[in-house]
């Protein structure tokens, strides 16, 4: 019988595979090219709240997310989070 820790790790691995796919297949190639490299670099170390934040960001319409990351529009207070700030920094530092 598998322990709850093993089940939890499997669940996180499945979530991460889904997140990686969704980041590389957003619907707009421009956003794919921003989100994909970010998750390739930082997703392996994400757990808990960070993974939750990233999954939430994936529910935001492409154009809004793209405009926030490229600083074409300000990030609304209700969408501002640690992971979005890391994405913005990563994309603008490249």
PDB file of N, CA and C in Angstrom:
ATOM      1  N   UNK A   1       0.849  -1.177   0.000  1.00  0.00           N
ATOM      2  CA  UNK A   1       0.000   0.000   0.000  1.00  0.00           C
ATOM      3  C   UNK A   1       0.890   1.234   0.000  1.00  0.00           C
ATOM      4  N   UNK A   2       0.623   2.150  -0.899  1.00  0.00           N
ATOM      5  CA  UNK A   2       1.435   3.363  -1.023  1.00  0.00           C
ATOM      6  C   UNK A   2       1.115   4.318   0.111  1.00  0.00           C
ATOM      7  N   UNK A   3       2.158   4.951   0.621  1.00  0.00           N
ATOM      8  CA  UNK A   3       1.966   5.945   1.671  1.00  0.00           C
ATOM      9  C   UNK A   3       1.408   7.232   1.098  1.00  0.00           C
ATOM     10  N   UNK A   4       0.824   8.053   1.970  1.00  0.00           N
ATOM     11  CA  UNK A   4       0.219   9.302   1.502  1.00  0.00           C
ATOM     12  C   UNK A   4       1.271  10.235   0.909  1.00  0.00           C
ATOM     13  N   UNK A   5       2.521  10.136   1.373  1.00  0.00           N
ATOM     14  CA  UNK A   5       3.583  10.979   0.823  1.00  0.00           C
ATOM     15  C   UNK A   5       3.837  10.624  -0.642  1.00  0.00           C
ATOM     16  N   UNK A   6       3.839   9.329  -0.970  1.00  0.00           N
ATOM     17  CA  UNK A   6       4.043   8.906  -2.351  1.00  0.00           C
ATOM     18  C   UNK A   6       2.901   9.371  -3.230  1.00  0.00           C
ATOM     19  N   UNK A   7       1.686   9.257  -2.750  1.00  0.00           N
ATOM     20  CA  UNK A   7       0.525   9.700  -3.508  1.00  0.00           C
ATOM     21  C   UNK A   7       0.611  11.202  -3.742  1.00  0.00           C
ATOM     22  N   UNK A   8       1.000  11.959  -2.722  1.00  0.00           N
ATOM     23  CA  UNK A   8       1.149  13.397  -2.858  1.00  0.00           C
ATOM     24  C   UNK A   8       2.189  13.762  -3.903  1.00  0.00           C
ATOM     25  N   UNK A   9       3.311  13.046  -3.925  1.00  0.00           N
ATOM     26  CA  UNK A   9       4.355  13.307  -4.912  1.00  0.00           C
ATOM     27  C   UNK A   9       3.870  12.988  -6.316  1.00  0.00           C
ATOM     28  N   UNK A  10       3.101  11.909  -6.469  1.00  0.00           N
ATOM     29  CA  UNK A  10       2.541  11.576  -7.781  1.00  0.00           C
ATOM     30  C   UNK A  10       1.587  12.664  -8.244  1.00  0.00           C
ATOM     31  N   UNK A  11       0.770  13.159  -7.339  1.00  0.00           N
ATOM     32  CA  UNK A  11      -0.186  14.212  -7.673  1.00  0.00           C
ATOM     33  C   UNK A  11       0.545  15.474  -8.112  1.00  0.00           C
ATOM     34  N   UNK A  12       1.606  15.845  -7.419  1.00  0.00           N
ATOM     35  CA  UNK A  12       2.382  17.024  -7.788  1.00  0.00           C
ATOM     36  C   UNK A  12       3.027  16.812  -9.151  1.00  0.00           C
ATOM     37  N   UNK A  13       3.553  15.634  -9.407  1.00  0.00           N
ATOM     38  CA  UNK A  13       4.176  15.347 -10.699  1.00  0.00           C
ATOM     39  C   UNK A  13       3.158  15.474 -11.830  1.00  0.00           C
ATOM     40  N   UNK A  14       1.951  14.989 -11.619  1.00  0.00           N
ATOM     41  CA  UNK A  14       0.898  15.089 -12.629  1.00  0.00           C
ATOM     42  C   UNK A  14       0.530  16.555 -12.850  1.00  0.00           C
ATOM     43  N   UNK A  15       0.371  17.297 -11.766  1.00  0.00           N
ATOM     44  CA  UNK A  15       0.054  18.729 -11.885  1.00  0.00           C
ATOM     45  C   UNK A  15       1.140  19.449 -12.668  1.00  0.00           C
ATOM     46  N   UNK A  16       2.386  19.147 -12.389  1.00  0.00           N
ATOM     47  CA  UNK A  16       3.490  19.821 -13.072  1.00  0.00           C
ATOM     48  C   UNK A  16       3.519  19.479 -14.561  1.00  0.00           C
ATOM     49  N   UNK A  17       3.231  18.232 -14.905  1.00  0.00           N
ATOM     50  CA  UNK A  17       3.181  17.866 -16.330  1.00  0.00           C
ATOM     51  C   UNK A  17       2.073  18.633 -17.039  1.00  0.00           C
ATOM     52  N   UNK A  18       0.927  18.748 -16.395  1.00  0.00           N
ATOM     53  CA  UNK A  18      -0.191  19.501 -16.984  1.00  0.00           C
ATOM     54  C   UNK A  18       0.164  20.973 -17.137  1.00  0.00           C
ATOM     55  N   UNK A  19       0.767  21.549 -16.106  1.00  0.00           N
ATOM     56  CA  UNK A  19       1.155  22.962 -16.143  1.00  0.00           C
ATOM     57  C   UNK A  19       2.162  23.198 -17.258  1.00  0.00           C
ATOM     58  N   UNK A  20       3.165  22.346 -17.360  1.00  0.00           N
ATOM     59  CA  UNK A  20       4.174  22.511 -18.415  1.00  0.00           C
ATOM     60  C   UNK A  20       3.513  22.478 -19.792  1.00  0.00           C
ATOM     61  N   UNK A  21       2.629  21.521 -20.015  1.00  0.00           N
ATOM     62  CA  UNK A  21       1.935  21.434 -21.300  1.00  0.00           C
ATOM     63  C   UNK A  21       1.134  22.703 -21.559  1.00  0.00           C
ATOM     64  N   UNK A  22       0.381  23.151 -20.568  1.00  0.00           N
ATOM     65  CA  UNK A  22      -0.472  24.339 -20.739  1.00  0.00           C
ATOM     66  C   UNK A  22       0.348  25.604 -20.965  1.00  0.00           C
ATOM     67  N   UNK A  23       1.528  25.691 -20.390  1.00  0.00           N
ATOM     68  CA  UNK A  23       2.384  26.866 -20.604  1.00  0.00           C
ATOM     69  C   UNK A  23       2.963  26.884 -22.016  1.00  0.00           C
ATOM     70  N   UNK A  24       3.253  25.719 -22.542  1.00  0.00           N
ATOM     71  CA  UNK A  24       3.809  25.648 -23.892  1.00  0.00           C
ATOM     72  C   UNK A  24       2.728  25.646 -24.976  1.00  0.00           C
ATOM     73  N   UNK A  25       1.466  25.502 -24.588  1.00  0.00           N
ATOM     74  CA  UNK A  25       0.351  25.441 -25.542  1.00  0.00           C
ATOM     75  C   UNK A  25      -0.771  26.387 -25.118  1.00  0.00           C
ATOM     76  N   UNK A  26      -0.449  27.657 -24.942  1.00  0.00           N
ATOM     77  CA  UNK A  26      -1.402  28.638 -24.452  1.00  0.00           C
ATOM     78  C   UNK A  26      -2.458  28.993 -25.493  1.00  0.00           C
ATOM     79  N   UNK A  27      -2.089  28.999 -26.749  1.00  0.00           N
ATOM     80  CA  UNK A  27      -3.018  29.429 -27.787  1.00  0.00           C
ATOM     81  C   UNK A  27      -2.412  30.526 -28.637  1.00  0.00           C
ATOM     82  N   UNK A  28      -1.501  31.295 -28.047  1.00  0.00           N
ATOM     83  CA  UNK A  28      -0.743  32.279 -28.821  1.00  0.00           C
ATOM     84  C   UNK A  28       0.730  31.920 -28.713  1.00  0.00           C
ATOM     85  N   UNK A  29       1.397  31.878 -29.844  1.00  0.00           N
ATOM     86  CA  UNK A  29       2.803  31.490 -29.871  1.00  0.00           C
ATOM     87  C   UNK A  29       3.659  32.438 -29.032  1.00  0.00           C
ATOM     88  N   UNK A  30       3.316  33.721 -29.053  1.00  0.00           N
ATOM     89  CA  UNK A  30       4.082  34.696 -28.279  1.00  0.00           C
ATOM     90  C   UNK A  30       4.075  34.358 -26.793  1.00  0.00           C
ATOM     91  N   UNK A  31       2.916  34.003 -26.275  1.00  0.00           N
ATOM     92  CA  UNK A  31       2.830  33.665 -24.858  1.00  0.00           C
ATOM     93  C   UNK A  31       3.485  32.313 -24.573  1.00  0.00           C
ATOM     94  N   UNK A  32       3.380  31.387 -25.516  1.00  0.00           N
ATOM     95  CA  UNK A  32       4.091  30.102 -25.376  1.00  0.00           C
ATOM     96  C   UNK A  32       5.587  30.343 -25.178  1.00  0.00           C
ATOM     97  N   UNK A  33       6.131  31.280 -25.957  1.00  0.00           N
ATOM     98  CA  UNK A  33       7.567  31.551 -25.917  1.00  0.00           C
ATOM     99  C   UNK A  33       7.996  32.310 -24.672  1.00  0.00           C
ATOM    100  N   UNK A  34       7.053  32.896 -23.965  1.00  0.00           N
ATOM    101  CA  UNK A  34       7.353  33.538 -22.686  1.00  0.00           C
ATOM    102  C   UNK A  34       7.184  32.556 -21.528  1.00  0.00           C
ATOM    103  N   UNK A  35       6.070  31.847 -21.521  1.00  0.00           N
ATOM    104  CA  UNK A  35       5.748  30.955 -20.408  1.00  0.00           C
ATOM    105  C   UNK A  35       6.545  29.649 -20.447  1.00  0.00           C
ATOM    106  N   UNK A  36       6.739  29.086 -21.637  1.00  0.00           N
ATOM    107  CA  UNK A  36       7.417  27.805 -21.764  1.00  0.00           C
ATOM    108  C   UNK A  36       8.820  27.790 -21.161  1.00  0.00           C
ATOM    109  N   UNK A  37       9.696  28.702 -21.580  1.00  0.00           N
ATOM    110  CA  UNK A  37      11.042  28.705 -20.994  1.00  0.00           C
ATOM    111  C   UNK A  37      11.038  28.962 -19.485  1.00  0.00           C
ATOM    112  N   UNK A  38      10.092  29.768 -19.019  1.00  0.00           N
ATOM    113  CA  UNK A  38      10.003  30.017 -17.579  1.00  0.00           C
ATOM    114  C   UNK A  38       9.729  28.711 -16.841  1.00  0.00           C
ATOM    115  N   UNK A  39       8.721  27.950 -17.288  1.00  0.00           N
ATOM    116  CA  UNK A  39       8.408  26.706 -16.573  1.00  0.00           C
ATOM    117  C   UNK A  39       9.500  25.668 -16.737  1.00  0.00           C
ATOM    118  N   UNK A  40      10.160  25.652 -17.893  1.00  0.00           N
ATOM    119  CA  UNK A  40      11.272  24.714 -18.056  1.00  0.00           C
ATOM    120  C   UNK A  40      12.355  24.988 -17.012  1.00  0.00           C
ATOM    121  N   UNK A  41      12.561  26.242 -16.708  1.00  0.00           N
ATOM    122  CA  UNK A  41      13.611  26.622 -15.762  1.00  0.00           C
ATOM    123  C   UNK A  41      13.176  26.483 -14.303  1.00  0.00           C
ATOM    124  N   UNK A  42      11.947  26.917 -13.959  1.00  0.00           N
ATOM    125  CA  UNK A  42      11.564  27.043 -12.550  1.00  0.00           C
ATOM    126  C   UNK A  42      10.524  26.040 -12.044  1.00  0.00           C
ATOM    127  N   UNK A  43       9.794  25.384 -12.922  1.00  0.00           N
ATOM    128  CA  UNK A  43       8.743  24.466 -12.467  1.00  0.00           C
ATOM    129  C   UNK A  43       9.257  23.334 -11.587  1.00  0.00           C
ATOM    130  N   UNK A  44      10.427  22.747 -11.876  1.00  0.00           N
ATOM    131  CA  UNK A  44      10.880  21.629 -11.029  1.00  0.00           C
ATOM    132  C   UNK A  44      10.971  21.978  -9.547  1.00  0.00           C
ATOM    133  N   UNK A  45      11.255  23.216  -9.209  1.00  0.00           N
ATOM    134  CA  UNK A  45      11.403  23.593  -7.805  1.00  0.00           C
ATOM    135  C   UNK A  45      10.108  24.124  -7.176  1.00  0.00           C
ATOM    136  N   UNK A  46       9.067  24.279  -7.959  1.00  0.00           N
ATOM    137  CA  UNK A  46       7.814  24.836  -7.438  1.00  0.00           C
ATOM    138  C   UNK A  46       7.005  23.788  -6.687  1.00  0.00           C
ATOM    139  N   UNK A  47       6.479  24.204  -5.546  1.00  0.00           N
ATOM    140  CA  UNK A  47       5.562  23.372  -4.766  1.00  0.00           C
ATOM    141  C   UNK A  47       4.532  24.291  -4.123  1.00  0.00           C
ATOM    142  N   UNK A  48       3.502  23.703  -3.598  1.00  0.00           N
ATOM    143  CA  UNK A  48       2.520  24.416  -2.801  1.00  0.00           C
ATOM    144  C   UNK A  48       1.943  25.650  -3.444  1.00  0.00           C
ATOM    145  N   UNK A  49       2.065  26.777  -2.742  1.00  0.00           N
ATOM    146  CA  UNK A  49       1.436  28.037  -3.154  1.00  0.00           C
ATOM    147  C   UNK A  49       1.940  28.510  -4.514  1.00  0.00           C
ATOM    148  N   UNK A  50       3.216  28.300  -4.806  1.00  0.00           N
ATOM    149  CA  UNK A  50       3.747  28.730  -6.100  1.00  0.00           C
ATOM    150  C   UNK A  50       3.081  27.968  -7.250  1.00  0.00           C
ATOM    151  N   UNK A  51       2.922  26.695  -7.090  1.00  0.00           N
ATOM    152  CA  UNK A  51       2.266  25.889  -8.110  1.00  0.00           C
ATOM    153  C   UNK A  51       0.802  26.299  -8.244  1.00  0.00           C
ATOM    154  N   UNK A  52       0.150  26.563  -7.122  1.00  0.00           N
ATOM    155  CA  UNK A  52      -1.239  27.053  -7.135  1.00  0.00           C
ATOM    156  C   UNK A  52      -1.336  28.371  -7.899  1.00  0.00           C
ATOM    157  N   UNK A  53      -0.399  29.288  -7.643  1.00  0.00           N
ATOM    158  CA  UNK A  53      -0.406  30.588  -8.313  1.00  0.00           C
ATOM    159  C   UNK A  53      -0.223  30.420  -9.816  1.00  0.00           C
ATOM    160  N   UNK A  54       0.704  29.563 -10.213  1.00  0.00           N
ATOM    161  CA  UNK A  54       0.943  29.345 -11.638  1.00  0.00           C
ATOM    162  C   UNK A  54      -0.289  28.741 -12.307  1.00  0.00           C
ATOM    163  N   UNK A  55      -0.919  27.786 -11.658  1.00  0.00           N
ATOM    164  CA  UNK A  55      -2.145  27.201 -12.219  1.00  0.00           C
ATOM    165  C   UNK A  55      -3.231  28.259 -12.348  1.00  0.00           C
ATOM    166  N   UNK A  56      -3.326  29.149 -11.378  1.00  0.00           N
ATOM    167  CA  UNK A  56      -4.321  30.227 -11.466  1.00  0.00           C
ATOM    168  C   UNK A  56      -4.007  31.162 -12.636  1.00  0.00           C
ATOM    169  N   UNK A  57      -2.743  31.487 -12.838  1.00  0.00           N
ATOM    170  CA  UNK A  57      -2.363  32.366 -13.952  1.00  0.00           C
ATOM    171  C   UNK A  57      -2.771  31.765 -15.291  1.00  0.00           C
ATOM    172  N   UNK A  58      -2.798  30.452 -15.376  1.00  0.00           N
ATOM    173  CA  UNK A  58      -3.169  29.791 -16.623  1.00  0.00           C
ATOM    174  C   UNK A  58      -4.660  29.920 -16.940  1.00  0.00           C
ATOM    175  N   UNK A  59      -5.442  30.410 -15.986  1.00  0.00           N
ATOM    176  CA  UNK A  59      -6.874  30.636 -16.236  1.00  0.00           C
ATOM    177  C   UNK A  59      -7.130  32.040 -16.786  1.00  0.00           C
ATOM    178  N   UNK A  60      -6.108  32.879 -16.802  1.00  0.00           N
ATOM    179  CA  UNK A  60      -6.244  34.261 -17.255  1.00  0.00           C
ATOM    180  C   UNK A  60      -6.157  34.297 -18.778  1.00  0.00           C
ATOM    181  N   UNK A  61      -6.996  35.102 -19.430  1.00  0.00           N
ATOM    182  CA  UNK A  61      -6.942  35.190 -20.893  1.00  0.00           C
ATOM    183  C   UNK A  61      -5.540  35.557 -21.397  1.00  0.00           C
ATOM    184  N   UNK A  62      -5.169  34.963 -22.529  1.00  0.00           N
ATOM    185  CA  UNK A  62      -3.838  35.147 -23.094  1.00  0.00           C
ATOM    186  C   UNK A  62      -3.448  36.613 -23.252  1.00  0.00           C
ATOM    187  N   UNK A  63      -4.325  37.410 -23.812  1.00  0.00           N
ATOM    188  CA  UNK A  63      -3.977  38.802 -24.081  1.00  0.00           C
ATOM    189  C   UNK A  63      -3.674  39.568 -22.803  1.00  0.00           C
ATOM    190  N   UNK A  64      -4.465  39.344 -21.761  1.00  0.00           N
ATOM    191  CA  UNK A  64      -4.207  40.011 -20.483  1.00  0.00           C
ATOM    192  C   UNK A  64      -2.850  39.599 -19.930  1.00  0.00           C
ATOM    193  N   UNK A  65      -2.605  38.312 -19.883  1.00  0.00           N
ATOM    194  CA  UNK A  65      -1.352  37.794 -19.335  1.00  0.00           C
ATOM    195  C   UNK A  65      -0.160  38.286 -20.153  1.00  0.00           C
ATOM    196  N   UNK A  66      -0.278  38.244 -21.459  1.00  0.00           N
ATOM    197  CA  UNK A  66       0.794  38.718 -22.337  1.00  0.00           C
ATOM    198  C   UNK A  66       1.092  40.206 -22.071  1.00  0.00           C
ATOM    199  N   UNK A  67       0.054  41.008 -21.974  1.00  0.00           N
ATOM    200  CA  UNK A  67       0.246  42.440 -21.738  1.00  0.00           C
ATOM    201  C   UNK A  67       0.885  42.719 -20.380  1.00  0.00           C
ATOM    202  N   UNK A  68       0.556  41.937 -19.383  1.00  0.00           N
ATOM    203  CA  UNK A  68       1.174  42.128 -18.060  1.00  0.00           C
ATOM    204  C   UNK A  68       2.651  41.742 -18.093  1.00  0.00           C
ATOM    205  N   UNK A  69       2.946  40.600 -18.710  1.00  0.00           N
ATOM    206  CA  UNK A  69       4.326  40.120 -18.748  1.00  0.00           C
ATOM    207  C   UNK A  69       5.217  41.072 -19.535  1.00  0.00           C
ATOM    208  N   UNK A  70       4.698  41.617 -20.631  1.00  0.00           N
ATOM    209  CA  UNK A  70       5.487  42.516 -21.469  1.00  0.00           C
ATOM    210  C   UNK A  70       5.396  43.967 -21.010  1.00  0.00           C
ATOM    211  N   UNK A  71       4.718  44.194 -19.915  1.00  0.00           N
ATOM    212  CA  UNK A  71       4.568  45.523 -19.308  1.00  0.00           C
ATOM    213  C   UNK A  71       3.832  46.507 -20.209  1.00  0.00           C
ATOM    214  N   UNK A  72       2.950  45.978 -21.049  1.00  0.00           N
ATOM    215  CA  UNK A  72       2.110  46.836 -21.882  1.00  0.00           C
ATOM    216  C   UNK A  72       0.883  47.305 -21.126  1.00  0.00           C
ATOM    217  N   UNK A  73       0.597  46.622 -20.028  1.00  0.00           N
ATOM    218  CA  UNK A  73      -0.531  46.986 -19.170  1.00  0.00           C
ATOM    219  C   UNK A  73      -0.132  46.699 -17.735  1.00  0.00           C
ATOM    220  N   UNK A  74      -0.621  47.504 -16.793  1.00  0.00           N
ATOM    221  CA  UNK A  74      -0.296  47.236 -15.389  1.00  0.00           C
ATOM    222  C   UNK A  74      -1.008  45.978 -14.893  1.00  0.00           C
ATOM    223  N   UNK A  75      -0.357  45.306 -13.974  1.00  0.00           N
ATOM    224  CA  UNK A  75      -0.949  44.108 -13.369  1.00  0.00           C
ATOM    225  C   UNK A  75      -1.973  44.557 -12.342  1.00  0.00           C
ATOM    226  N   UNK A  76      -3.222  44.106 -12.455  1.00  0.00           N
ATOM    227  CA  UNK A  76      -4.213  44.466 -11.443  1.00  0.00           C
ATOM    228  C   UNK A  76      -3.845  43.868 -10.084  1.00  0.00           C
ATOM    229  N   UNK A  77      -4.231  44.543  -9.043  1.00  0.00           N
ATOM    230  CA  UNK A  77      -3.884  44.112  -7.683  1.00  0.00           C
ATOM    231  C   UNK A  77      -4.345  42.680  -7.400  1.00  0.00           C
ATOM    232  N   UNK A  78      -5.504  42.300  -7.908  1.00  0.00           N
ATOM    233  CA  UNK A  78      -6.026  40.960  -7.613  1.00  0.00           C
ATOM    234  C   UNK A  78      -5.290  39.853  -8.375  1.00  0.00           C
ATOM    235  N   UNK A  79      -4.488  40.214  -9.370  1.00  0.00           N
ATOM    236  CA  UNK A  79      -3.725  39.217 -10.125  1.00  0.00           C
ATOM    237  C   UNK A  79      -2.244  39.216  -9.747  1.00  0.00           C
ATOM    238  N   UNK A  80      -1.827  40.215  -9.006  1.00  0.00           N
ATOM    239  CA  UNK A  80      -0.416  40.330  -8.641  1.00  0.00           C
ATOM    240  C   UNK A  80      -0.044  39.239  -7.645  1.00  0.00           C
ATOM    241  N   UNK A  81       1.004  38.483  -7.979  1.00  0.00           N
ATOM    242  CA  UNK A  81       1.463  37.408  -7.096  1.00  0.00           C
ATOM    243  C   UNK A  81       2.951  37.167  -7.338  1.00  0.00           C
ATOM    244  N   UNK A  82       3.545  36.408  -6.453  1.00  0.00           N
ATOM    245  CA  UNK A  82       4.977  36.112  -6.531  1.00  0.00           C
ATOM    246  C   UNK A  82       5.364  35.485  -7.867  1.00  0.00           C
ATOM    247  N   UNK A  83       4.602  34.503  -8.317  1.00  0.00           N
ATOM    248  CA  UNK A  83       4.959  33.787  -9.536  1.00  0.00           C
ATOM    249  C   UNK A  83       4.854  34.698 -10.754  1.00  0.00           C
ATOM    250  N   UNK A  84       3.816  35.518 -10.827  1.00  0.00           N
ATOM    251  CA  UNK A  84       3.703  36.448 -11.955  1.00  0.00           C
ATOM    252  C   UNK A  84       4.891  37.412 -11.964  1.00  0.00           C
ATOM    253  N   UNK A  85       5.271  37.902 -10.803  1.00  0.00           N
ATOM    254  CA  UNK A  85       6.432  38.797 -10.728  1.00  0.00           C
ATOM    255  C   UNK A  85       7.706  38.093 -11.173  1.00  0.00           C
ATOM    256  N   UNK A  86       7.850  36.822 -10.841  1.00  0.00           N
ATOM    257  CA  UNK A  86       9.021  36.053 -11.292  1.00  0.00           C
ATOM    258  C   UNK A  86       9.004  35.863 -12.805  1.00  0.00           C
ATOM    259  N   UNK A  87       7.827  35.606 -13.362  1.00  0.00           N
ATOM    260  CA  UNK A  87       7.702  35.455 -14.818  1.00  0.00           C
ATOM    261  C   UNK A  87       8.095  36.760 -15.505  1.00  0.00           C
ATOM    262  N   UNK A  88       7.566  37.860 -15.006  1.00  0.00           N
ATOM    263  CA  UNK A  88       7.868  39.171 -15.593  1.00  0.00           C
ATOM    264  C   UNK A  88       9.371  39.443 -15.546  1.00  0.00           C
ATOM    265  N   UNK A  89       9.970  39.196 -14.402  1.00  0.00           N
ATOM    266  CA  UNK A  89      11.429  39.435 -14.259  1.00  0.00           C
ATOM    267  C   UNK A  89      12.202  38.519 -15.196  1.00  0.00           C
ATOM    268  N   UNK A  90      11.854  37.239 -15.237  1.00  0.00           N
ATOM    269  CA  UNK A  90      12.546  36.282 -16.093  1.00  0.00           C
ATOM    270  C   UNK A  90      12.467  36.701 -17.554  1.00  0.00           C
ATOM    271  N   UNK A  91      11.291  37.070 -18.011  1.00  0.00           N
ATOM    272  CA  UNK A  91      11.100  37.422 -19.419  1.00  0.00           C
ATOM    273  C   UNK A  91      11.786  38.731 -19.779  1.00  0.00           C
ATOM    274  N   UNK A  92      11.796  39.670 -18.873  1.00  0.00           N
ATOM    275  CA  UNK A  92      12.414  40.963 -19.163  1.00  0.00           C
ATOM    276  C   UNK A  92      13.917  40.938 -18.998  1.00  0.00           C
ATOM    277  N   UNK A  93      14.449  39.949 -18.273  1.00  0.00           N
ATOM    278  CA  UNK A  93      15.900  39.821 -18.109  1.00  0.00           C
ATOM    279  C   UNK A  93      16.551  39.090 -19.292  1.00  0.00           C
ATOM    280  N   UNK A  94      15.730  38.411 -20.096  1.00  0.00           N
ATOM    281  CA  UNK A  94      16.284  37.643 -21.223  1.00  0.00           C
ATOM    282  C   UNK A  94      16.606  38.528 -22.380  1.00  0.00           C
TER     283      UNK A  94
END
